[in-house]
Amino acid sequence: MKVFTVWVGRNMRLFFKDKGMFFTALITPLILLVLYTTFLGGIYRDTFEAALAPAGLPVSEDLLNGAVGGQLTSSLLAVCCVTVAFCSNMLSVQDKANGTLRDLTVSPMRPGLMALGYYVATLLTTLLICLCAAGACLIYMRATGWYLSGADVWLILADVCLLTVFGTALSGLINFFLSSQGQISAVGTIVSAGYGFICGAYMPISSFSEGLQRVISFLPGTYGTSLLRNHALGGVFRELTALGFPQEAVDGLRDAMDCQLYFFDTAGPIWGMYAVLGGFAAVVLAAYVLLMRFGRARV
């Protein structure tokens, strides 16, 4: 246990010591918050208004801002929990590139324990950055339109933690097959550019074709985005119900904003989303540890 603690501490110290890795991971959520607010805020507002227009009831500006803020927050956090993990996990690839990992494989530390050390160190650093991003998002929502309860806030933080667990495991599994700084930079760019689309952060999944919706329903990141949507917009939906909006209109809005996901036309419950995301995280982490344990030839 002592060796493992020292190994985790070594990885975390090297991460924070490398200013390039640290600031790249830290500034990513802030850049996304500015970009999302600038370019997606208007689109989310139009979607919200169009979904409620048939109800014929007025919606206050504060409620509109609350809905937009909830969508922006859930989109940003859904992307950051995965993309930041790839930035934080560059150390494992650097150790392979400079030969450090090859030297470490002759030490008494077992490869499986080594893999867990990389994972825990990356998880802690990613979680620190993502929780700071969640705090910034909550401050933004407080300033624009606040409809969250205390339970909503805690559930958002729990979603961030679970999605970070998955994102860290995914980055470790993919990084196992990489061996140079150029490769990790290329993969990080691809993930940053494409993950937001396939997890439903940029565009609602309900706006895709039926075939593409079914394909995306197999991806675990989709369920993480939906969990964040449900909890970031929960207060808005409760307020709409209290204002007298028909339940059909509120349910339609939930569908339009991906708060309700469908797996082959079957609506998935909240606990099912947690089960899918947690299960995939466990499977991916196990695959990564097994590759490190039995795939030493690759390093």
Protein backbone atom coordinates (compact mmCIF):
# COMPACT_ATOMS: atom_id res chain seq x y z
CA MET A 1 0.00 0.00 0.00
CA LYS A 2 2.86 2.36 0.78
CA VAL A 3 4.47 1.71 -2.60
CA PHE A 4 1.15 2.36 -4.31
CA THR A 5 0.67 5.66 -2.43
CA VAL A 6 4.18 6.78 -3.38
CA TRP A 7 3.50 5.85 -7.02
CA VAL A 8 0.25 7.84 -7.11
CA GLY A 9 1.95 10.81 -5.44
CA ARG A 10 4.79 10.69 -7.96
CA ASN A 11 2.38 10.81 -10.89
CA MET A 12 0.40 13.70 -9.42
CA ARG A 13 3.53 15.72 -8.64
CA LEU A 14 4.83 15.29 -12.17
CA PHE A 15 1.49 16.36 -13.59
CA PHE A 16 1.33 19.59 -11.60
CA LYS A 17 5.04 20.21 -12.20
CA ASP A 18 4.52 20.08 -15.97
CA LYS A 19 2.95 23.50 -16.55
CA GLY A 20 2.00 22.58 -20.12
CA MET A 21 -0.14 19.60 -19.10
CA PHE A 22 -1.60 21.39 -16.09
CA PHE A 23 -2.65 24.61 -17.81
CA THR A 24 -3.95 22.75 -20.87
CA ALA A 25 -6.23 20.69 -18.64
CA LEU A 26 -7.20 23.66 -16.46
CA ILE A 27 -8.01 26.14 -19.22
CA THR A 28 -10.09 23.72 -21.32
CA PRO A 29 -13.30 24.06 -19.22
CA LEU A 30 -12.97 27.86 -19.09
CA ILE A 31 -12.60 28.11 -22.87
CA LEU A 32 -15.56 25.81 -23.38
CA LEU A 33 -17.71 27.87 -21.01
CA VAL A 34 -17.01 31.03 -23.02
CA LEU A 35 -17.56 29.28 -26.37
CA TYR A 36 -20.75 27.54 -25.25
CA THR A 37 -22.18 30.77 -23.84
CA THR A 38 -21.31 32.69 -26.99
CA PHE A 39 -22.34 30.24 -29.70
CA LEU A 40 -24.79 27.76 -28.15
CA GLY A 41 -26.73 30.00 -25.77
CA GLY A 42 -28.96 31.43 -28.51
CA ILE A 43 -29.62 28.00 -30.02
CA TYR A 44 -30.63 26.54 -26.67
CA ARG A 45 -32.93 29.52 -26.01
CA ASP A 46 -34.67 29.09 -29.37
CA THR A 47 -35.13 25.35 -28.73
CA PHE A 48 -36.66 26.02 -25.34
CA GLU A 49 -39.06 28.67 -26.65
CA ALA A 50 -40.10 26.54 -29.65
CA ALA A 51 -40.86 23.54 -27.42
CA LEU A 52 -43.11 25.62 -25.12
CA ALA A 53 -44.77 27.75 -27.80
CA PRO A 54 -47.71 25.33 -28.35
CA ALA A 55 -48.64 25.65 -24.67
CA GLY A 56 -49.43 29.34 -25.20
CA LEU A 57 -48.30 30.41 -21.72
CA PRO A 58 -45.76 33.19 -21.10
CA VAL A 59 -42.27 32.33 -19.87
CA SER A 60 -40.25 34.80 -17.84
CA GLU A 61 -36.78 35.90 -18.90
CA ASP A 62 -35.36 34.52 -15.68
CA LEU A 63 -36.80 31.08 -16.42
CA LEU A 64 -35.42 31.19 -19.95
CA ASN A 65 -31.99 32.04 -18.59
CA GLY A 66 -32.27 29.21 -16.09
CA ALA A 67 -33.07 26.72 -18.84
CA VAL A 68 -30.22 27.95 -21.04
CA GLY A 69 -27.82 27.90 -18.10
CA GLY A 70 -28.81 24.34 -17.24
CA GLN A 71 -28.22 23.17 -20.80
CA LEU A 72 -24.88 24.95 -21.05
CA THR A 73 -23.75 23.56 -17.71
CA SER A 74 -24.70 19.99 -18.52
CA SER A 75 -23.10 20.19 -21.98
CA LEU A 76 -19.83 21.63 -20.70
CA LEU A 77 -19.45 19.21 -17.81
CA ALA A 78 -20.38 16.21 -19.97
CA VAL A 79 -17.53 17.06 -22.36
CA CYS A 80 -14.95 18.18 -19.78
CA CYS A 81 -15.14 15.05 -17.65
CA VAL A 82 -13.83 13.05 -20.63
CA THR A 83 -11.63 15.49 -22.56
CA VAL A 84 -9.81 16.77 -19.47
CA ALA A 85 -9.03 13.16 -18.53
CA PHE A 86 -7.09 12.77 -21.78
CA CYS A 87 -5.08 15.91 -20.97
CA SER A 88 -4.40 14.70 -17.43
CA ASN A 89 -3.37 11.23 -18.61
CA MET A 90 -0.52 12.35 -20.86
CA LEU A 91 2.02 11.27 -18.24
CA SER A 92 1.51 7.56 -18.91
CA VAL A 93 2.34 8.11 -22.59
CA GLN A 94 5.32 10.32 -21.75
CA ASP A 95 6.71 7.59 -19.50
CA LYS A 96 6.58 5.20 -22.44
CA ALA A 97 8.06 7.72 -24.86
CA ASN A 98 11.10 8.53 -22.72
CA GLY A 99 11.70 4.94 -21.57
CA THR A 100 10.73 5.49 -17.93
CA LEU A 101 8.00 2.86 -18.03
CA ARG A 102 10.39 0.28 -19.45
CA ASP A 103 12.71 0.85 -16.52
CA LEU A 104 9.83 0.65 -14.07
CA THR A 105 8.70 -2.75 -15.35
CA VAL A 106 11.82 -4.34 -13.82
CA SER A 107 10.91 -2.96 -10.39
CA PRO A 108 9.03 -5.05 -7.80
CA MET A 109 5.81 -3.12 -8.55
CA ARG A 110 3.34 -5.29 -10.40
CA PRO A 111 2.03 -3.98 -13.77
CA GLY A 112 -1.58 -4.15 -12.59
CA LEU A 113 -0.76 -2.02 -9.55
CA MET A 114 1.14 0.36 -11.79
CA ALA A 115 -1.92 0.73 -14.02
CA LEU A 116 -4.12 1.48 -11.02
CA GLY A 117 -1.59 4.08 -9.88
CA TYR A 118 -1.80 5.88 -13.22
CA TYR A 119 -5.58 5.64 -13.05
CA VAL A 120 -5.96 6.97 -9.50
CA ALA A 121 -3.54 9.85 -10.09
CA THR A 122 -5.31 10.85 -13.30
CA LEU A 123 -8.71 10.48 -11.64
CA LEU A 124 -7.77 12.76 -8.74
CA THR A 125 -6.28 15.49 -10.94
CA THR A 126 -9.16 15.32 -13.44
CA LEU A 127 -11.73 15.35 -10.67
CA LEU A 128 -10.12 18.42 -9.11
CA ILE A 129 -10.30 20.33 -12.39
CA CYS A 130 -13.83 19.16 -13.24
CA LEU A 131 -15.18 20.06 -9.80
CA CYS A 132 -13.67 23.53 -10.22
CA ALA A 133 -15.43 23.72 -13.60
CA ALA A 134 -18.68 22.62 -11.94
CA GLY A 135 -18.25 25.39 -9.38
CA ALA A 136 -17.76 27.96 -12.15
CA CYS A 137 -20.89 26.67 -13.91
CA LEU A 138 -22.95 26.89 -10.72
CA ILE A 139 -21.78 30.48 -10.20
CA TYR A 140 -22.82 31.24 -13.79
CA MET A 141 -26.26 29.71 -13.20
CA ARG A 142 -26.64 31.63 -9.96
CA ALA A 143 -25.94 34.87 -11.81
CA THR A 144 -28.32 34.20 -14.72
CA GLY A 145 -31.22 32.10 -13.42
CA TRP A 146 -31.20 29.81 -10.39
CA TYR A 147 -33.83 27.09 -9.98
CA LEU A 148 -31.70 24.32 -8.46
CA SER A 149 -32.37 22.74 -5.10
CA GLY A 150 -29.67 21.51 -2.75
CA ALA A 151 -30.34 17.95 -3.90
CA ASP A 152 -29.90 19.01 -7.55
CA VAL A 153 -26.48 20.49 -6.78
CA TRP A 154 -25.30 17.35 -5.00
CA LEU A 155 -26.58 15.15 -7.81
CA ILE A 156 -24.75 17.26 -10.40
CA LEU A 157 -21.53 16.83 -8.43
CA ALA A 158 -22.18 13.08 -8.18
CA ASP A 159 -22.72 12.93 -11.95
CA VAL A 160 -19.43 14.75 -12.49
CA CYS A 161 -17.62 12.25 -10.28
CA LEU A 162 -19.12 9.21 -12.03
CA LEU A 163 -18.51 10.59 -15.52
CA THR A 164 -14.92 11.44 -14.55
CA VAL A 165 -14.44 7.84 -13.39
CA PHE A 166 -15.58 6.69 -16.84
CA GLY A 167 -13.56 9.31 -18.74
CA THR A 168 -10.38 8.47 -16.85
CA ALA A 169 -10.80 4.75 -17.51
CA LEU A 170 -11.44 5.41 -21.20
CA SER A 171 -8.36 7.63 -21.53
CA GLY A 172 -6.21 4.99 -19.82
CA LEU A 173 -7.45 2.24 -22.14
CA ILE A 174 -6.86 4.28 -25.30
CA ASN A 175 -3.52 5.65 -24.10
CA PHE A 176 -2.25 2.12 -23.56
CA PHE A 177 -1.90 1.80 -27.33
CA LEU A 178 -0.06 5.13 -27.73
CA SER A 179 3.66 5.64 -27.40
CA SER A 180 4.50 9.22 -28.40
CA GLN A 181 3.53 12.78 -27.55
CA GLY A 182 2.34 13.32 -31.11
CA GLN A 183 -0.08 10.42 -30.87
CA ILE A 184 -1.62 11.58 -27.60
CA SER A 185 -1.97 15.11 -28.98
CA ALA A 186 -3.73 13.77 -32.09
CA VAL A 187 -6.06 11.55 -30.06
CA GLY A 188 -6.80 14.40 -27.64
CA THR A 189 -7.72 16.67 -30.55
CA ILE A 190 -10.02 14.05 -32.07
CA VAL A 191 -11.72 13.37 -28.74
CA SER A 192 -12.15 17.09 -28.01
CA ALA A 193 -13.66 17.71 -31.44
CA GLY A 194 -15.88 14.66 -31.75
CA TYR A 195 -16.95 13.56 -28.30
CA GLY A 196 -19.37 16.45 -27.79
CA PHE A 197 -21.37 15.37 -30.84
CA ILE A 198 -21.64 11.67 -30.07
CA CYS A 199 -22.60 12.26 -26.42
CA GLY A 200 -25.34 14.77 -27.29
CA ALA A 201 -23.64 17.79 -25.72
CA TYR A 202 -23.60 19.99 -28.82
CA MET A 203 -26.82 18.92 -30.51
CA PRO A 204 -29.84 17.17 -28.96
CA ILE A 205 -29.88 13.48 -29.78
CA SER A 206 -33.59 13.84 -30.53
CA SER A 207 -32.64 15.94 -33.58
CA PHE A 208 -30.64 13.08 -35.15
CA SER A 209 -32.03 10.45 -37.49
CA GLU A 210 -33.65 7.40 -35.97
CA GLY A 211 -30.79 5.14 -37.02
CA LEU A 212 -28.15 7.42 -35.54
CA GLN A 213 -30.14 7.74 -32.32
CA ARG A 214 -30.10 3.97 -31.94
CA VAL A 215 -26.35 3.83 -32.52
CA ILE A 216 -25.71 6.60 -29.99
CA SER A 217 -27.92 4.83 -27.44
CA PHE A 218 -25.17 2.20 -27.13
CA LEU A 219 -22.56 4.80 -26.09
CA PRO A 220 -22.16 5.26 -22.31
CA GLY A 221 -21.25 8.95 -22.56
CA THR A 222 -24.76 9.64 -23.81
CA TYR A 223 -26.19 8.54 -20.47
CA GLY A 224 -23.77 10.73 -18.57
CA THR A 225 -24.95 13.76 -20.55
CA SER A 226 -28.59 12.86 -19.88
CA LEU A 227 -27.96 12.52 -16.14
CA LEU A 228 -26.43 15.99 -16.04
CA ARG A 229 -29.32 17.35 -18.13
CA ASN A 230 -31.89 15.91 -15.73
CA HIS A 231 -30.30 17.39 -12.63
CA ALA A 232 -29.24 20.74 -14.11
CA LEU A 233 -32.75 21.31 -15.53
CA GLY A 234 -34.76 19.64 -12.77
CA GLY A 235 -35.62 22.94 -11.10
CA VAL A 236 -36.75 24.46 -14.42
CA PHE A 237 -39.14 21.56 -15.04
CA ARG A 238 -40.56 21.86 -11.52
CA GLU A 239 -41.10 25.58 -12.04
CA LEU A 240 -42.88 24.99 -15.34
CA THR A 241 -45.22 22.53 -13.66
CA ALA A 242 -45.89 24.99 -10.84
CA LEU A 243 -46.73 27.70 -13.41
CA GLY A 244 -49.47 25.51 -14.87
CA PHE A 245 -47.83 24.21 -18.03
CA PRO A 246 -49.48 21.00 -19.27
CA GLN A 247 -47.59 17.85 -18.36
CA GLU A 248 -47.51 16.93 -22.06
CA ALA A 249 -45.60 20.13 -22.83
CA VAL A 250 -43.13 19.53 -20.00
CA ASP A 251 -42.60 15.92 -21.11
CA GLY A 252 -42.08 17.09 -24.69
CA LEU A 253 -39.47 19.54 -23.48
CA ARG A 254 -37.71 16.79 -21.53
CA ASP A 255 -37.58 14.70 -24.70
CA ALA A 256 -36.30 17.62 -26.77
CA MET A 257 -33.50 18.29 -24.27
CA ASP A 258 -32.46 14.61 -23.96
CA CYS A 259 -33.52 14.33 -20.34
CA GLN A 260 -35.42 11.22 -21.39
CA LEU A 261 -33.41 8.73 -23.43
CA TYR A 262 -34.87 5.86 -25.39
CA PHE A 263 -33.22 2.52 -26.09
CA PHE A 264 -35.08 1.07 -29.07
CA ASP A 265 -38.21 3.05 -28.18
CA THR A 266 -38.01 2.06 -24.51
CA ALA A 267 -37.58 4.92 -22.04
CA GLY A 268 -34.68 4.42 -19.67
CA PRO A 269 -35.02 5.28 -15.94
CA ILE A 270 -32.50 7.39 -14.06
CA TRP A 271 -31.15 4.40 -12.13
CA GLY A 272 -30.64 2.60 -15.43
CA MET A 273 -28.48 5.45 -16.71
CA TYR A 274 -26.33 5.22 -13.58
CA ALA A 275 -26.06 1.46 -14.04
CA VAL A 276 -24.99 1.74 -17.69
CA LEU A 277 -22.40 4.45 -17.05
CA GLY A 278 -21.01 2.78 -13.93
CA GLY A 279 -20.96 -0.64 -15.57
CA PHE A 280 -19.09 0.60 -18.62
CA ALA A 281 -16.59 2.43 -16.40
CA ALA A 282 -15.89 -0.80 -14.48
CA VAL A 283 -15.49 -2.84 -17.69
CA VAL A 284 -13.17 -0.28 -19.32
CA LEU A 285 -11.03 0.02 -16.18
CA ALA A 286 -10.76 -3.77 -15.90
CA ALA A 287 -9.71 -4.00 -19.57
CA TYR A 288 -7.03 -1.35 -19.01
CA VAL A 289 -5.59 -3.10 -15.94
CA LEU A 290 -5.58 -6.47 -17.72
CA LEU A 291 -3.78 -4.98 -20.73
CA MET A 292 -1.16 -3.49 -18.46
CA ARG A 293 -0.83 -6.81 -16.64
CA PHE A 294 -0.59 -9.13 -19.64
CA GLY A 295 0.36 -6.78 -22.49
CA ARG A 296 3.78 -5.71 -21.27
CA ALA A 297 5.27 -6.25 -24.71
CA ARG A 298 3.44 -3.15 -25.90
CA VAL A 299 5.32 -0.88 -23.53
